[in-house]
Protein backbone atom coordinates (compact mmCIF):
# COMPACT_ATOMS: atom_id res chain seq x y z
CA MET A 1 24.56 -16.20 -67.36
CA THR A 2 25.26 -17.84 -64.37
CA PHE A 3 28.85 -17.86 -62.42
CA VAL A 4 29.17 -21.23 -63.45
CA GLU A 5 28.54 -21.03 -66.98
CA SER A 6 30.88 -17.93 -66.90
CA PHE A 7 33.90 -19.82 -65.53
CA LEU A 8 33.10 -22.71 -67.99
CA GLY A 9 33.20 -20.03 -70.88
CA GLU A 10 36.72 -18.76 -69.54
CA LEU A 11 37.92 -22.21 -68.98
CA GLU A 12 37.25 -23.36 -72.38
CA ARG A 13 38.79 -19.99 -73.90
CA GLU A 14 41.88 -19.85 -71.62
CA ALA A 15 42.30 -23.75 -72.40
CA VAL A 16 42.88 -22.82 -76.42
CA THR A 17 45.90 -20.51 -75.60
CA THR A 18 47.15 -22.88 -72.94
CA ARG A 19 47.36 -25.59 -75.03
CA LYS A 20 49.29 -23.60 -78.06
CA MET A 21 51.72 -22.58 -75.26
CA LEU A 22 52.42 -25.71 -73.62
CA ALA A 23 52.88 -27.72 -76.90
CA LEU A 24 56.01 -25.35 -77.42
CA VAL A 25 57.92 -26.85 -74.08
CA PRO A 26 60.76 -28.68 -75.70
CA LEU A 27 61.95 -31.79 -74.23
CA ALA A 28 65.68 -30.55 -74.71
CA LYS A 29 64.84 -27.56 -72.20
CA PHE A 30 62.92 -29.13 -69.31
CA ASN A 31 65.38 -28.40 -66.59
CA TRP A 32 66.22 -24.83 -67.92
CA GLN A 33 65.38 -22.03 -65.64
CA PRO A 34 66.09 -18.19 -66.00
CA HIS A 35 67.38 -17.71 -62.40
CA THR A 36 67.89 -20.05 -59.65
CA LYS A 37 64.72 -18.61 -57.78
CA SER A 38 62.78 -19.32 -60.93
CA MET A 39 61.02 -22.91 -61.41
CA THR A 40 62.35 -25.12 -64.22
CA LEU A 41 60.64 -24.93 -67.49
CA ILE A 42 59.15 -28.22 -66.72
CA ARG A 43 58.00 -27.25 -63.34
CA LEU A 44 56.03 -24.31 -64.34
CA ALA A 45 54.67 -26.14 -67.33
CA THR A 46 53.39 -28.94 -65.10
CA HIS A 47 51.86 -26.33 -62.93
CA ILE A 48 50.08 -24.91 -65.52
CA ALA A 49 48.85 -27.98 -66.59
CA GLU A 50 47.33 -28.97 -63.35
CA LEU A 51 45.61 -25.75 -62.52
CA PRO A 52 42.41 -26.64 -64.37
CA GLU A 53 42.32 -29.41 -61.84
CA TRP A 54 41.95 -26.85 -59.12
CA VAL A 55 38.42 -26.09 -60.01
CA ASN A 56 37.66 -29.75 -59.36
CA MET A 57 39.47 -29.79 -56.29
CA VAL A 58 37.86 -26.72 -54.96
CA LEU A 59 34.29 -27.76 -55.79
CA HIS A 60 34.75 -31.09 -53.93
CA THR A 61 36.68 -30.13 -50.96
CA THR A 62 36.35 -27.47 -48.31
CA GLU A 63 40.35 -26.69 -48.30
CA LEU A 64 43.59 -27.69 -49.22
CA ASP A 65 45.90 -28.13 -46.30
CA PHE A 66 49.71 -28.66 -47.60
CA SER A 67 50.72 -29.96 -44.03
CA ASN A 68 48.36 -32.96 -44.76
CA ASN A 69 48.67 -32.80 -48.81
CA PRO A 70 52.44 -32.49 -49.39
CA TYR A 71 52.76 -31.41 -52.94
CA THR A 72 53.87 -34.01 -55.51
CA PRO A 73 53.88 -32.50 -58.65
CA GLU A 74 53.08 -35.02 -61.68
CA VAL A 75 56.25 -36.69 -63.48
CA ILE A 76 56.18 -35.56 -66.97
CA ASN A 77 58.64 -37.11 -69.34
CA SER A 78 57.81 -35.40 -72.69
CA THR A 79 55.64 -32.72 -74.35
CA GLU A 80 53.09 -35.04 -75.40
CA GLU A 81 52.62 -36.33 -71.69
CA LEU A 82 52.40 -32.57 -70.85
CA LEU A 83 49.62 -31.75 -73.12
CA ALA A 84 47.79 -35.12 -72.09
CA TYR A 85 48.15 -34.30 -68.38
CA PHE A 86 46.78 -30.61 -69.16
CA GLU A 87 43.68 -32.35 -71.02
CA ARG A 88 42.91 -34.91 -68.13
CA SER A 89 43.05 -31.66 -65.68
CA LEU A 90 40.96 -29.57 -67.95
CA GLU A 91 38.32 -32.53 -68.45
CA ASN A 92 38.38 -32.58 -64.63
CA GLY A 93 37.63 -29.05 -64.24
CA ARG A 94 35.02 -28.92 -67.07
CA LYS A 95 33.18 -31.85 -65.50
CA ALA A 96 33.00 -30.33 -62.05
CA LEU A 97 32.01 -27.00 -63.24
CA GLN A 98 29.08 -28.62 -65.57
CA GLU A 99 27.87 -30.66 -62.50
CA ALA A 100 27.97 -27.45 -60.19
CA THR A 101 25.32 -24.82 -59.61
CA ASP A 102 25.92 -21.05 -58.31
CA ALA A 103 24.99 -22.14 -54.94
CA ASP A 104 27.86 -24.65 -54.98
CA LEU A 105 30.20 -21.52 -55.25
CA TRP A 106 29.31 -19.65 -51.95
CA PRO A 107 30.87 -22.07 -49.27
CA GLU A 108 34.09 -20.99 -47.80
CA TRP A 109 37.06 -22.52 -49.03
CA ILE A 110 40.65 -22.45 -47.36
CA LEU A 111 44.22 -22.88 -48.49
CA ARG A 112 46.29 -23.48 -45.56
CA ASN A 113 49.55 -24.81 -44.37
CA GLY A 114 48.74 -26.29 -40.96
CA GLU A 115 47.79 -23.13 -38.72
CA GLU A 116 48.85 -20.87 -41.42
CA ILE A 117 45.78 -19.73 -43.72
CA TYR A 118 46.88 -18.33 -47.01
CA SER A 119 43.70 -17.92 -48.34
CA SER A 120 40.05 -17.87 -46.99
CA SER A 121 37.31 -17.17 -49.70
CA SER A 122 34.26 -18.28 -51.00
CA LYS A 123 34.73 -21.29 -53.63
CA LYS A 124 33.72 -18.87 -56.38
CA ASP A 125 36.45 -16.46 -55.53
CA PHE A 126 39.06 -19.18 -55.24
CA ILE A 127 38.09 -20.83 -58.79
CA ARG A 128 38.63 -17.07 -59.85
CA ILE A 129 41.89 -17.11 -58.33
CA SER A 130 42.74 -20.43 -60.00
CA LEU A 131 41.91 -19.31 -63.50
CA SER A 132 44.04 -15.90 -62.70
CA GLN A 133 46.88 -18.16 -61.83
CA LEU A 134 46.61 -20.21 -65.03
CA ILE A 135 46.72 -16.81 -66.98
CA HIS A 136 49.37 -15.60 -64.72
CA HIS A 137 51.60 -18.68 -65.12
CA ARG A 138 51.00 -19.08 -68.49
CA ALA A 139 52.31 -15.37 -69.17
CA GLN A 140 55.53 -16.69 -67.30
CA LEU A 141 55.82 -19.39 -69.53
CA GLY A 142 55.63 -17.05 -72.56
CA VAL A 143 58.80 -15.10 -70.94
CA TYR A 144 60.79 -18.22 -70.50
CA LEU A 145 59.86 -19.47 -74.41
CA ARG A 146 60.80 -16.01 -75.30
CA LEU A 147 64.20 -16.07 -73.41
CA LEU A 148 64.95 -19.61 -75.14
CA ASP A 149 63.93 -17.71 -78.48
CA ILE A 150 61.05 -19.98 -79.12
CA PRO A 151 58.19 -18.12 -81.08
CA ILE A 152 55.03 -17.66 -78.93
CA PRO A 153 51.31 -17.49 -79.98
CA GLY A 154 49.38 -14.65 -79.43
CA SER A 155 47.05 -14.73 -76.34
CA TYR A 156 44.26 -12.18 -76.90
CA GLY A 157 45.36 -10.78 -80.02
CA PRO A 158 48.75 -11.65 -82.49
CA SER A 159 52.03 -11.76 -80.73
CA ALA A 160 55.05 -10.13 -82.02
CA ASP A 161 56.12 -13.28 -83.40
CA ASP A 162 52.71 -13.55 -85.21
CA GLN A 163 53.30 -10.11 -86.72
CA THR A 164 56.67 -11.30 -88.34
CA MET A 165 55.60 -14.64 -89.85
């Protein structure tokens, strides 16, 4: 199995759980946040939804410099829009991987803000980071939903909510 094939499989497997979690984000709580230093629910969910697009970005660029590309999150007005955004992002990440070869994964990719370099690694390693970020932030979303008393689905087995149903 190639690295590209492995990433494609992982992206597809993680998409199943991610889709279930994003579908639970309630419009009425979009601006809720558990702490003043935390993202709002919709900001976190939007970031999760955009992360598969990072695979596409990494494969087709050499860097992301926030000083030249100020971050502007997608404006999401409903749970349906959130899911549609995730599906577009997922399709772009999937397509980029389907068109890639393992040789495309070895060049350096840099995440920076002007002269400050946050990360410099192979594209392969940064795609791994992007998939890890998807999983990490999805776990955060699970905590948000739990605090809002919204039953959450299991990720890699049943959740406490699955076991009580």
